[in-house]
């Protein structure tokens, strides 16, 4: 089950969010993956860092819940090269 479902460019996209912490850092970063819902079984995924970090995973995901769908669509557009 996707974390979010958004519409972009006449297509439905499933969005997943994960937390990543690089070696020797205290901050967790938000990483998003976008997959077109029409691509079955599991089509190509687009991975991107989202400019959001926190000192704990839970704090990161609390902040992530506040990201508007429009902002996710903008990130997807940039990742697809439509910006």
Protein backbone atom coordinates (compact mmCIF):
# COMPACT_ATOMS: atom_id res chain seq x y z
CA UNK A 1 0.00 0.00 0.00
CA UNK A 2 1.48 3.35 -1.00
CA UNK A 3 2.13 6.09 1.50
CA UNK A 4 0.45 8.58 -0.85
CA UNK A 5 -1.28 8.50 -4.21
CA UNK A 6 -1.01 11.60 -6.40
CA UNK A 7 -2.06 12.59 -9.89
CA UNK A 8 0.43 14.12 -12.28
CA UNK A 9 0.36 14.60 -16.03
CA UNK A 10 -2.85 12.56 -16.48
CA UNK A 11 -1.34 9.62 -14.60
CA UNK A 12 -1.73 8.21 -11.09
CA UNK A 13 1.49 7.77 -9.11
CA UNK A 14 2.17 5.79 -5.94
CA UNK A 15 4.56 7.50 -3.56
CA UNK A 16 6.59 5.73 -0.87
CA UNK A 17 8.63 7.49 1.80
CA UNK A 18 11.67 6.09 3.57
CA UNK A 19 14.17 7.50 6.04
CA UNK A 20 17.87 7.37 5.31
CA UNK A 21 20.77 8.31 7.55
CA UNK A 22 24.21 8.56 6.06
CA UNK A 23 27.28 7.39 7.94
CA UNK A 24 28.65 9.82 10.52
CA UNK A 25 25.57 12.04 10.55
CA UNK A 26 22.83 12.54 13.11
CA UNK A 27 20.09 13.65 10.73
CA UNK A 28 17.62 11.38 8.98
CA UNK A 29 16.73 12.45 5.43
CA UNK A 30 13.48 11.80 3.59
CA UNK A 31 13.78 9.75 0.42
CA UNK A 32 10.77 9.40 -1.89
CA UNK A 33 10.08 6.85 -4.56
CA UNK A 34 7.51 7.42 -7.29
CA UNK A 35 5.99 4.60 -9.36
CA UNK A 36 3.28 4.95 -12.00
CA UNK A 37 0.22 3.04 -10.78
CA UNK A 38 -0.48 1.72 -14.29
CA UNK A 39 2.90 -0.03 -14.47
CA UNK A 40 2.34 -3.57 -13.28
CA UNK A 41 3.69 -5.65 -11.73
CA UNK A 42 6.34 -3.25 -10.51
CA UNK A 43 7.45 -0.76 -13.07
CA UNK A 44 10.34 1.61 -12.98
CA UNK A 45 10.79 3.63 -9.81
CA UNK A 46 12.06 7.18 -9.54
CA UNK A 47 13.99 7.81 -6.33
CA UNK A 48 14.79 11.28 -5.01
CA UNK A 49 15.88 13.01 -1.83
CA UNK A 50 13.31 15.42 -0.46
CA UNK A 51 14.73 18.51 1.34
CA UNK A 52 13.55 17.44 4.78
CA UNK A 53 15.56 16.10 7.69
CA UNK A 54 15.17 15.42 11.39
CA UNK A 55 17.08 13.88 14.27
CA UNK A 56 14.65 10.96 14.56
CA UNK A 57 12.70 8.85 12.09
CA UNK A 58 9.43 9.57 13.83
CA UNK A 59 10.00 13.34 13.69
CA UNK A 60 10.89 13.02 10.01
CA UNK A 61 7.69 11.14 9.17
CA UNK A 62 5.58 13.57 11.20
CA UNK A 63 6.99 16.39 9.08
CA UNK A 64 6.50 14.35 5.91
CA UNK A 65 2.78 14.00 6.62
CA UNK A 66 2.50 17.79 6.23
CA UNK A 67 3.89 17.81 2.69
CA UNK A 68 1.08 18.84 0.34
CA UNK A 69 0.34 16.66 -2.69
CA UNK A 70 1.15 19.64 -4.91
CA UNK A 71 4.71 19.69 -3.55
CA UNK A 72 5.09 15.97 -4.25
CA UNK A 73 3.79 16.49 -7.80
CA UNK A 74 6.33 19.30 -8.28
CA UNK A 75 9.19 17.05 -7.14
CA UNK A 76 7.96 14.34 -9.51
CA UNK A 77 7.75 16.83 -12.38
CA UNK A 78 11.32 17.96 -11.74
CA UNK A 79 12.50 14.35 -11.55
CA UNK A 80 10.80 13.59 -14.87
CA UNK A 81 12.43 16.65 -16.41
CA UNK A 82 9.19 18.59 -16.91
CA UNK A 83 10.16 21.56 -14.76
